[in-house]
Amino acid sequence: MTVVIKGVGVIGVTTAYYLAKQGAEVVVIDRQAGPGLETSYANAGQLSYGMTSPWAAPGIPMKAVKWIFMKRRPRFIWPLISPTMRKWCVQMVRNCNQ
């Protein structure tokens, strides 16, 4: 059996490894030039619980505006023009308080 894996980040490579170990022929592809250049970029598999902040923390709406223009932004929500998305955004901003 040949399996095609899209993405050579942590999950893609790990999945390919275990499938190959079980005998599958695995082909891994990615749109980037090298491994781990998108979601896995520079995270080194690190879990930093002390360095996280909640989405609804004070100051997040202003930070989110700055993030839109960053090349390597920490968070991004596609600004969909829909009533559901607008409602979610309003509720999130209301929760960004002490």
PDB file of N, CA and C in Angstrom:
ATOM      1  N   MET A   1       0.840  -1.158   0.000  1.00  0.00           N
ATOM      2  CA  MET A   1       0.000   0.000   0.000  1.00  0.00           C
ATOM      3  C   MET A   1       0.899   1.240   0.000  1.00  0.00           C
ATOM      4  N   THR A   2       0.565   2.224  -0.839  1.00  0.00           N
ATOM      5  CA  THR A   2       1.285   3.496  -0.862  1.00  0.00           C
ATOM      6  C   THR A   2       0.416   4.557  -0.203  1.00  0.00           C
ATOM      7  N   VAL A   3       1.003   5.267   0.746  1.00  0.00           N
ATOM      8  CA  VAL A   3       0.292   6.321   1.467  1.00  0.00           C
ATOM      9  C   VAL A   3       0.988   7.640   1.179  1.00  0.00           C
ATOM     10  N   VAL A   4       0.211   8.669   0.858  1.00  0.00           N
ATOM     11  CA  VAL A   4       0.765  10.002   0.630  1.00  0.00           C
ATOM     12  C   VAL A   4       0.437  10.863   1.843  1.00  0.00           C
ATOM     13  N   ILE A   5       1.454  11.467   2.429  1.00  0.00           N
ATOM     14  CA  ILE A   5       1.287  12.342   3.587  1.00  0.00           C
ATOM     15  C   ILE A   5       1.559  13.768   3.135  1.00  0.00           C
ATOM     16  N   LYS A   6       0.633  14.669   3.396  1.00  0.00           N
ATOM     17  CA  LYS A   6       0.825  16.082   3.080  1.00  0.00           C
ATOM     18  C   LYS A   6       1.382  16.769   4.319  1.00  0.00           C
ATOM     19  N   GLY A   7       2.552  17.342   4.203  1.00  0.00           N
ATOM     20  CA  GLY A   7       3.143  18.099   5.297  1.00  0.00           C
ATOM     21  C   GLY A   7       4.294  17.375   5.959  1.00  0.00           C
ATOM     22  N   VAL A   8       5.450  18.028   6.001  1.00  0.00           N
ATOM     23  CA  VAL A   8       6.614  17.425   6.636  1.00  0.00           C
ATOM     24  C   VAL A   8       6.934  18.130   7.954  1.00  0.00           C
ATOM     25  N   GLY A   9       5.882  18.405   8.694  1.00  0.00           N
ATOM     26  CA  GLY A   9       6.060  18.916  10.047  1.00  0.00           C
ATOM     27  C   GLY A   9       6.135  17.759  11.017  1.00  0.00           C
ATOM     28  N   VAL A  10       5.994  18.051  12.275  1.00  0.00           N
ATOM     29  CA  VAL A  10       6.104  17.034  13.320  1.00  0.00           C
ATOM     30  C   VAL A  10       5.096  15.904  13.103  1.00  0.00           C
ATOM     31  N   ILE A  11       3.860  16.242  12.863  1.00  0.00           N
ATOM     32  CA  ILE A  11       2.806  15.225  12.704  1.00  0.00           C
ATOM     33  C   ILE A  11       3.007  14.423  11.416  1.00  0.00           C
ATOM     34  N   GLY A  12       3.296  15.101  10.310  1.00  0.00           N
ATOM     35  CA  GLY A  12       3.481  14.402   9.042  1.00  0.00           C
ATOM     36  C   GLY A  12       4.639  13.423   9.071  1.00  0.00           C
ATOM     37  N   VAL A  13       5.771  13.872   9.597  1.00  0.00           N
ATOM     38  CA  VAL A  13       6.949  13.008   9.649  1.00  0.00           C
ATOM     39  C   VAL A  13       6.735  11.839  10.609  1.00  0.00           C
ATOM     40  N   THR A  14       6.130  12.111  11.747  1.00  0.00           N
ATOM     41  CA  THR A  14       5.867  11.046  12.722  1.00  0.00           C
ATOM     42  C   THR A  14       4.905  10.015  12.146  1.00  0.00           C
ATOM     43  N   THR A  15       3.859  10.495  11.486  1.00  0.00           N
ATOM     44  CA  THR A  15       2.895   9.590  10.863  1.00  0.00           C
ATOM     45  C   THR A  15       3.573   8.739   9.790  1.00  0.00           C
ATOM     46  N   ALA A  16       4.384   9.380   8.968  1.00  0.00           N
ATOM     47  CA  ALA A  16       5.106   8.647   7.916  1.00  0.00           C
ATOM     48  C   ALA A  16       6.023   7.589   8.517  1.00  0.00           C
ATOM     49  N   TYR A  17       6.708   7.922   9.577  1.00  0.00           N
ATOM     50  CA  TYR A  17       7.627   6.990  10.231  1.00  0.00           C
ATOM     51  C   TYR A  17       6.893   5.730  10.693  1.00  0.00           C
ATOM     52  N   TYR A  18       5.788   5.928  11.411  1.00  0.00           N
ATOM     53  CA  TYR A  18       5.074   4.767  11.950  1.00  0.00           C
ATOM     54  C   TYR A  18       4.375   3.949  10.867  1.00  0.00           C
ATOM     55  N   LEU A  19       3.899   4.602   9.813  1.00  0.00           N
ATOM     56  CA  LEU A  19       3.306   3.846   8.708  1.00  0.00           C
ATOM     57  C   LEU A  19       4.370   3.016   7.993  1.00  0.00           C
ATOM     58  N   ALA A  20       5.544   3.610   7.772  1.00  0.00           N
ATOM     59  CA  ALA A  20       6.642   2.873   7.127  1.00  0.00           C
ATOM     60  C   ALA A  20       7.093   1.710   7.995  1.00  0.00           C
ATOM     61  N   LYS A  21       7.097   1.930   9.292  1.00  0.00           N
ATOM     62  CA  LYS A  21       7.483   0.875  10.235  1.00  0.00           C
ATOM     63  C   LYS A  21       6.515  -0.311  10.161  1.00  0.00           C
ATOM     64  N   GLN A  22       5.246  -0.015   9.818  1.00  0.00           N
ATOM     65  CA  GLN A  22       4.245  -1.081   9.692  1.00  0.00           C
ATOM     66  C   GLN A  22       4.218  -1.686   8.289  1.00  0.00           C
ATOM     67  N   GLY A  23       5.118  -1.232   7.410  1.00  0.00           N
ATOM     68  CA  GLY A  23       5.227  -1.844   6.097  1.00  0.00           C
ATOM     69  C   GLY A  23       4.634  -1.070   4.939  1.00  0.00           C
ATOM     70  N   ALA A  24       4.056   0.071   5.185  1.00  0.00           N
ATOM     71  CA  ALA A  24       3.477   0.852   4.094  1.00  0.00           C
ATOM     72  C   ALA A  24       4.576   1.586   3.330  1.00  0.00           C
ATOM     73  N   GLU A  25       4.348   1.761   2.030  1.00  0.00           N
ATOM     74  CA  GLU A  25       5.227   2.618   1.247  1.00  0.00           C
ATOM     75  C   GLU A  25       4.709   4.036   1.446  1.00  0.00           C
ATOM     76  N   VAL A  26       5.567   4.941   1.884  1.00  0.00           N
ATOM     77  CA  VAL A  26       5.120   6.285   2.254  1.00  0.00           C
ATOM     78  C   VAL A  26       5.792   7.331   1.385  1.00  0.00           C
ATOM     79  N   VAL A  27       4.987   8.256   0.886  1.00  0.00           N
ATOM     80  CA  VAL A  27       5.485   9.415   0.144  1.00  0.00           C
ATOM     81  C   VAL A  27       5.056  10.648   0.936  1.00  0.00           C
ATOM     82  N   VAL A  28       6.022  11.483   1.291  1.00  0.00           N
ATOM     83  CA  VAL A  28       5.719  12.700   2.061  1.00  0.00           C
ATOM     84  C   VAL A  28       5.978  13.908   1.171  1.00  0.00           C
ATOM     85  N   ILE A  29       4.978  14.803   1.059  1.00  0.00           N
ATOM     86  CA  ILE A  29       5.123  15.995   0.226  1.00  0.00           C
ATOM     87  C   ILE A  29       4.805  17.233   1.047  1.00  0.00           C
ATOM     88  N   ASP A  30       5.358  18.347   0.621  1.00  0.00           N
ATOM     89  CA  ASP A  30       5.088  19.611   1.299  1.00  0.00           C
ATOM     90  C   ASP A  30       5.266  20.737   0.297  1.00  0.00           C
ATOM     91  N   ARG A  31       4.549  21.812   0.483  1.00  0.00           N
ATOM     92  CA  ARG A  31       4.678  22.941  -0.442  1.00  0.00           C
ATOM     93  C   ARG A  31       5.889  23.805  -0.125  1.00  0.00           C
ATOM     94  N   GLN A  32       6.471  23.625   1.060  1.00  0.00           N
ATOM     95  CA  GLN A  32       7.661  24.384   1.442  1.00  0.00           C
ATOM     96  C   GLN A  32       8.924  23.657   0.976  1.00  0.00           C
ATOM     97  N   ALA A  33      10.037  24.377   0.971  1.00  0.00           N
ATOM     98  CA  ALA A  33      11.303  23.819   0.488  1.00  0.00           C
ATOM     99  C   ALA A  33      11.931  22.822   1.459  1.00  0.00           C
ATOM    100  N   GLY A  34      11.580  22.902   2.731  1.00  0.00           N
ATOM    101  CA  GLY A  34      12.178  22.018   3.725  1.00  0.00           C
ATOM    102  C   GLY A  34      11.171  21.599   4.775  1.00  0.00           C
ATOM    103  N   PRO A  35      11.595  20.720   5.673  1.00  0.00           N
ATOM    104  CA  PRO A  35      10.676  20.223   6.704  1.00  0.00           C
ATOM    105  C   PRO A  35      10.387  21.245   7.803  1.00  0.00           C
ATOM    106  N   GLY A  36       9.189  21.180   8.344  1.00  0.00           N
ATOM    107  CA  GLY A  36       8.823  21.971   9.517  1.00  0.00           C
ATOM    108  C   GLY A  36       8.784  23.465   9.307  1.00  0.00           C
ATOM    109  N   LEU A  37       8.422  23.944   8.128  1.00  0.00           N
ATOM    110  CA  LEU A  37       8.440  25.380   7.863  1.00  0.00           C
ATOM    111  C   LEU A  37       7.075  26.048   7.969  1.00  0.00           C
ATOM    112  N   GLU A  38       6.063  25.326   8.393  1.00  0.00           N
ATOM    113  CA  GLU A  38       4.744  25.958   8.545  1.00  0.00           C
ATOM    114  C   GLU A  38       4.314  25.849  10.005  1.00  0.00           C
ATOM    115  N   THR A  39       3.332  25.038  10.300  1.00  0.00           N
ATOM    116  CA  THR A  39       2.832  24.941  11.670  1.00  0.00           C
ATOM    117  C   THR A  39       3.915  24.539  12.652  1.00  0.00           C
ATOM    118  N   SER A  40       4.801  23.662  12.245  1.00  0.00           N
ATOM    119  CA  SER A  40       5.866  23.198  13.136  1.00  0.00           C
ATOM    120  C   SER A  40       7.043  24.167  13.211  1.00  0.00           C
ATOM    121  N   TYR A  41       7.004  25.260  12.486  1.00  0.00           N
ATOM    122  CA  TYR A  41       8.142  26.167  12.393  1.00  0.00           C
ATOM    123  C   TYR A  41       8.620  26.642  13.768  1.00  0.00           C
ATOM    124  N   ALA A  42       9.829  26.309  14.095  1.00  0.00           N
ATOM    125  CA  ALA A  42      10.551  26.807  15.277  1.00  0.00           C
ATOM    126  C   ALA A  42       9.927  26.445  16.619  1.00  0.00           C
ATOM    127  N   ASN A  43       9.005  25.487  16.659  1.00  0.00           N
ATOM    128  CA  ASN A  43       8.444  25.157  17.972  1.00  0.00           C
ATOM    129  C   ASN A  43       9.236  24.062  18.676  1.00  0.00           C
ATOM    130  N   ALA A  44      10.053  23.346  17.964  1.00  0.00           N
ATOM    131  CA  ALA A  44      10.910  22.298  18.519  1.00  0.00           C
ATOM    132  C   ALA A  44      10.142  21.305  19.387  1.00  0.00           C
ATOM    133  N   GLY A  45       8.847  21.184  19.180  1.00  0.00           N
ATOM    134  CA  GLY A  45       8.046  20.258  19.975  1.00  0.00           C
ATOM    135  C   GLY A  45       7.943  20.669  21.427  1.00  0.00           C
ATOM    136  N   GLN A  46       8.190  21.907  21.707  1.00  0.00           N
ATOM    137  CA  GLN A  46       8.231  22.403  23.085  1.00  0.00           C
ATOM    138  C   GLN A  46       6.837  22.763  23.590  1.00  0.00           C
ATOM    139  N   LEU A  47       6.550  22.353  24.796  1.00  0.00           N
ATOM    140  CA  LEU A  47       5.316  22.742  25.471  1.00  0.00           C
ATOM    141  C   LEU A  47       5.707  23.706  26.585  1.00  0.00           C
ATOM    142  N   SER A  48       5.301  24.953  26.446  1.00  0.00           N
ATOM    143  CA  SER A  48       5.693  25.983  27.412  1.00  0.00           C
ATOM    144  C   SER A  48       4.451  26.485  28.139  1.00  0.00           C
ATOM    145  N   TYR A  49       4.015  25.741  29.101  1.00  0.00           N
ATOM    146  CA  TYR A  49       2.784  26.109  29.787  1.00  0.00           C
ATOM    147  C   TYR A  49       2.908  27.437  30.525  1.00  0.00           C
ATOM    148  N   GLY A  50       4.088  27.769  30.989  1.00  0.00           N
ATOM    149  CA  GLY A  50       4.294  29.035  31.685  1.00  0.00           C
ATOM    150  C   GLY A  50       4.322  30.228  30.757  1.00  0.00           C
ATOM    151  N   MET A  51       4.433  29.986  29.455  1.00  0.00           N
ATOM    152  CA  MET A  51       4.560  31.073  28.493  1.00  0.00           C
ATOM    153  C   MET A  51       3.288  31.278  27.673  1.00  0.00           C
ATOM    154  N   THR A  52       2.214  30.660  28.038  1.00  0.00           N
ATOM    155  CA  THR A  52       0.985  30.790  27.261  1.00  0.00           C
ATOM    156  C   THR A  52       0.115  31.894  27.828  1.00  0.00           C
ATOM    157  N   SER A  53      -0.749  32.412  26.997  1.00  0.00           N
ATOM    158  CA  SER A  53      -1.711  33.402  27.469  1.00  0.00           C
ATOM    159  C   SER A  53      -3.078  33.017  26.928  1.00  0.00           C
ATOM    160  N   PRO A  54      -4.124  33.282  27.675  1.00  0.00           N
ATOM    161  CA  PRO A  54      -5.466  32.940  27.194  1.00  0.00           C
ATOM    162  C   PRO A  54      -5.873  33.849  26.038  1.00  0.00           C
ATOM    163  N   TRP A  55      -6.718  33.333  25.167  1.00  0.00           N
ATOM    164  CA  TRP A  55      -7.215  34.125  24.044  1.00  0.00           C
ATOM    165  C   TRP A  55      -7.941  35.367  24.518  1.00  0.00           C
ATOM    166  N   ALA A  56      -8.683  35.247  25.595  1.00  0.00           N
ATOM    167  CA  ALA A  56      -9.509  36.366  26.052  1.00  0.00           C
ATOM    168  C   ALA A  56      -8.818  37.179  27.141  1.00  0.00           C
ATOM    169  N   ALA A  57      -7.521  37.348  27.062  1.00  0.00           N
ATOM    170  CA  ALA A  57      -6.790  38.144  28.048  1.00  0.00           C
ATOM    171  C   ALA A  57      -6.894  39.629  27.695  1.00  0.00           C
ATOM    172  N   PRO A  58      -6.779  40.492  28.695  1.00  0.00           N
ATOM    173  CA  PRO A  58      -6.766  41.930  28.396  1.00  0.00           C
ATOM    174  C   PRO A  58      -5.615  42.256  27.444  1.00  0.00           C
ATOM    175  N   GLY A  59      -5.868  43.100  26.480  1.00  0.00           N
ATOM    176  CA  GLY A  59      -4.828  43.495  25.538  1.00  0.00           C
ATOM    177  C   GLY A  59      -4.739  42.647  24.287  1.00  0.00           C
ATOM    178  N   ILE A  60      -5.371  41.495  24.269  1.00  0.00           N
ATOM    179  CA  ILE A  60      -5.292  40.605  23.103  1.00  0.00           C
ATOM    180  C   ILE A  60      -5.886  41.243  21.838  1.00  0.00           C
ATOM    181  N   PRO A  61      -7.024  41.955  21.913  1.00  0.00           N
ATOM    182  CA  PRO A  61      -7.542  42.546  20.666  1.00  0.00           C
ATOM    183  C   PRO A  61      -6.528  43.470  19.976  1.00  0.00           C
ATOM    184  N   MET A  62      -5.817  44.299  20.733  1.00  0.00           N
ATOM    185  CA  MET A  62      -4.824  45.185  20.122  1.00  0.00           C
ATOM    186  C   MET A  62      -3.635  44.391  19.582  1.00  0.00           C
ATOM    187  N   LYS A  63      -3.229  43.362  20.322  1.00  0.00           N
ATOM    188  CA  LYS A  63      -2.138  42.512  19.836  1.00  0.00           C
ATOM    189  C   LYS A  63      -2.558  41.808  18.552  1.00  0.00           C
ATOM    190  N   ALA A  64      -3.796  41.362  18.496  1.00  0.00           N
ATOM    191  CA  ALA A  64      -4.290  40.643  17.312  1.00  0.00           C
ATOM    192  C   ALA A  64      -4.243  41.527  16.077  1.00  0.00           C
ATOM    193  N   VAL A  65      -4.518  42.809  16.239  1.00  0.00           N
ATOM    194  CA  VAL A  65      -4.445  43.732  15.106  1.00  0.00           C
ATOM    195  C   VAL A  65      -3.003  43.801  14.595  1.00  0.00           C
ATOM    196  N   LYS A  66      -2.028  43.854  15.511  1.00  0.00           N
ATOM    197  CA  LYS A  66      -0.611  43.880  15.117  1.00  0.00           C
ATOM    198  C   LYS A  66      -0.203  42.567  14.453  1.00  0.00           C
ATOM    199  N   TRP A  67      -0.726  41.439  14.946  1.00  0.00           N
ATOM    200  CA  TRP A  67      -0.374  40.125  14.415  1.00  0.00           C
ATOM    201  C   TRP A  67      -0.760  39.970  12.950  1.00  0.00           C
ATOM    202  N   ILE A  68      -1.811  40.636  12.538  1.00  0.00           N
ATOM    203  CA  ILE A  68      -2.281  40.524  11.157  1.00  0.00           C
ATOM    204  C   ILE A  68      -1.159  40.862  10.177  1.00  0.00           C
ATOM    205  N   PHE A  69      -0.302  41.810  10.566  1.00  0.00           N
ATOM    206  CA  PHE A  69       0.738  42.295   9.664  1.00  0.00           C
ATOM    207  C   PHE A  69       2.099  41.618   9.868  1.00  0.00           C
ATOM    208  N   MET A  70       2.184  40.667  10.802  1.00  0.00           N
ATOM    209  CA  MET A  70       3.446  39.974  11.053  1.00  0.00           C
ATOM    210  C   MET A  70       3.607  38.781  10.106  1.00  0.00           C
ATOM    211  N   LYS A  71       4.831  38.524   9.673  1.00  0.00           N
ATOM    212  CA  LYS A  71       5.090  37.368   8.807  1.00  0.00           C
ATOM    213  C   LYS A  71       4.933  36.066   9.579  1.00  0.00           C
ATOM    214  N   ARG A  72       5.493  35.988  10.782  1.00  0.00           N
ATOM    215  CA  ARG A  72       5.409  34.788  11.624  1.00  0.00           C
ATOM    216  C   ARG A  72       4.531  35.087  12.827  1.00  0.00           C
ATOM    217  N   ARG A  73       3.258  35.226  12.585  1.00  0.00           N
ATOM    218  CA  ARG A  73       2.330  35.591  13.667  1.00  0.00           C
ATOM    219  C   ARG A  73       1.991  34.394  14.550  1.00  0.00           C
ATOM    220  N   PRO A  74       1.787  34.639  15.858  1.00  0.00           N
ATOM    221  CA  PRO A  74       1.477  33.547  16.769  1.00  0.00           C
ATOM    222  C   PRO A  74       0.043  33.041  16.642  1.00  0.00           C
ATOM    223  N   ARG A  75      -0.860  33.911  16.276  1.00  0.00           N
ATOM    224  CA  ARG A  75      -2.269  33.513  16.104  1.00  0.00           C
ATOM    225  C   ARG A  75      -2.856  34.311  14.959  1.00  0.00           C
ATOM    226  N   PHE A  76      -3.783  33.701  14.257  1.00  0.00           N
ATOM    227  CA  PHE A  76      -4.466  34.420  13.188  1.00  0.00           C
ATOM    228  C   PHE A  76      -5.824  33.796  12.961  1.00  0.00           C
ATOM    229  N   ILE A  77      -6.821  34.630  12.828  1.00  0.00           N
ATOM    230  CA  ILE A  77      -8.183  34.182  12.517  1.00  0.00           C
ATOM    231  C   ILE A  77      -8.546  34.850  11.208  1.00  0.00           C
ATOM    232  N   TRP A  78      -8.898  34.047  10.211  1.00  0.00           N
ATOM    233  CA  TRP A  78      -9.304  34.638   8.940  1.00  0.00           C
ATOM    234  C   TRP A  78     -10.537  35.493   9.176  1.00  0.00           C
ATOM    235  N   PRO A  79     -10.500  36.741   8.751  1.00  0.00           N
ATOM    236  CA  PRO A  79     -11.636  37.643   9.001  1.00  0.00           C
ATOM    237  C   PRO A  79     -12.802  37.366   8.056  1.00  0.00           C
ATOM    238  N   LEU A  80     -13.513  36.310   8.324  1.00  0.00           N
ATOM    239  CA  LEU A  80     -14.660  35.955   7.498  1.00  0.00           C
ATOM    240  C   LEU A  80     -15.799  36.940   7.730  1.00  0.00           C
ATOM    241  N   ILE A  81     -16.473  37.275   6.689  1.00  0.00           N
ATOM    242  CA  ILE A  81     -17.602  38.189   6.817  1.00  0.00           C
ATOM    243  C   ILE A  81     -18.858  37.332   6.917  1.00  0.00           C
ATOM    244  N   SER A  82     -19.189  36.964   8.128  1.00  0.00           N
ATOM    245  CA  SER A  82     -20.390  36.180   8.358  1.00  0.00           C
ATOM    246  C   SER A  82     -20.963  36.582   9.709  1.00  0.00           C
ATOM    247  N   PRO A  83     -22.260  36.480   9.887  1.00  0.00           N
ATOM    248  CA  PRO A  83     -22.858  36.833  11.170  1.00  0.00           C
ATOM    249  C   PRO A  83     -22.292  36.007  12.324  1.00  0.00           C
ATOM    250  N   THR A  84     -22.008  34.740  12.077  1.00  0.00           N
ATOM    251  CA  THR A  84     -21.474  33.875  13.131  1.00  0.00           C
ATOM    252  C   THR A  84     -20.096  34.351  13.572  1.00  0.00           C
ATOM    253  N   MET A  85     -19.241  34.697  12.613  1.00  0.00           N
ATOM    254  CA  MET A  85     -17.894  35.155  12.941  1.00  0.00           C
ATOM    255  C   MET A  85     -17.941  36.501  13.658  1.00  0.00           C
ATOM    256  N   ARG A  86     -18.789  37.403  13.194  1.00  0.00           N
ATOM    257  CA  ARG A  86     -18.921  38.717  13.859  1.00  0.00           C
ATOM    258  C   ARG A  86     -19.366  38.539  15.303  1.00  0.00           C
ATOM    259  N   LYS A  87     -20.338  37.673  15.511  1.00  0.00           N
ATOM    260  CA  LYS A  87     -20.840  37.432  16.874  1.00  0.00           C
ATOM    261  C   LYS A  87     -19.729  36.867  17.756  1.00  0.00           C
ATOM    262  N   TRP A  88     -18.959  35.910  17.217  1.00  0.00           N
ATOM    263  CA  TRP A  88     -17.859  35.316  17.981  1.00  0.00           C
ATOM    264  C   TRP A  88     -16.830  36.376  18.347  1.00  0.00           C
ATOM    265  N   CYS A  89     -16.483  37.251  17.387  1.00  0.00           N
ATOM    266  CA  CYS A  89     -15.487  38.298  17.643  1.00  0.00           C
ATOM    267  C   CYS A  89     -15.961  39.276  18.718  1.00  0.00           C
ATOM    268  N   VAL A  90     -17.219  39.672  18.657  1.00  0.00           N
ATOM    269  CA  VAL A  90     -17.767  40.590  19.666  1.00  0.00           C
ATOM    270  C   VAL A  90     -17.734  39.938  21.048  1.00  0.00           C
ATOM    271  N   GLN A  91     -18.118  38.681  21.139  1.00  0.00           N
ATOM    272  CA  GLN A  91     -18.083  37.981  22.421  1.00  0.00           C
ATOM    273  C   GLN A  91     -16.656  37.842  22.940  1.00  0.00           C
ATOM    274  N   MET A  92     -15.705  37.576  22.063  1.00  0.00           N
ATOM    275  CA  MET A  92     -14.314  37.448  22.494  1.00  0.00           C
ATOM    276  C   MET A  92     -13.798  38.770  23.037  1.00  0.00           C
ATOM    277  N   VAL A  93     -14.054  39.864  22.326  1.00  0.00           N
ATOM    278  CA  VAL A  93     -13.588  41.185  22.780  1.00  0.00           C
ATOM    279  C   VAL A  93     -14.224  41.541  24.127  1.00  0.00           C
ATOM    280  N   ARG A  94     -15.491  41.204  24.305  1.00  0.00           N
ATOM    281  CA  ARG A  94     -16.149  41.466  25.610  1.00  0.00           C
ATOM    282  C   ARG A  94     -15.483  40.683  26.743  1.00  0.00           C
ATOM    283  N   ASN A  95     -14.971  39.508  26.435  1.00  0.00           N
ATOM    284  CA  ASN A  95     -14.321  38.678  27.460  1.00  0.00           C
ATOM    285  C   ASN A  95     -12.866  39.068  27.728  1.00  0.00           C
ATOM    286  N   CYS A  96     -12.337  39.974  26.933  1.00  0.00           N
ATOM    287  CA  CYS A  96     -10.924  40.396  27.115  1.00  0.00           C
ATOM    288  C   CYS A  96     -10.846  41.485  28.195  1.00  0.00           C
ATOM    289  N   ASN A  97     -11.058  41.064  29.402  1.00  0.00           N
ATOM    290  CA  ASN A  97     -11.033  42.028  30.517  1.00  0.00           C
ATOM    291  C   ASN A  97     -10.389  41.370  31.749  1.00  0.00           C
ATOM    292  N   GLN A  98     -10.198  42.163  32.765  1.00  0.00           N
ATOM    293  CA  GLN A  98      -9.608  41.649  33.996  1.00  0.00           C
ATOM    294  C   GLN A  98     -10.545  40.647  34.657  1.00  0.00           C
TER     295      GLN A  98
END
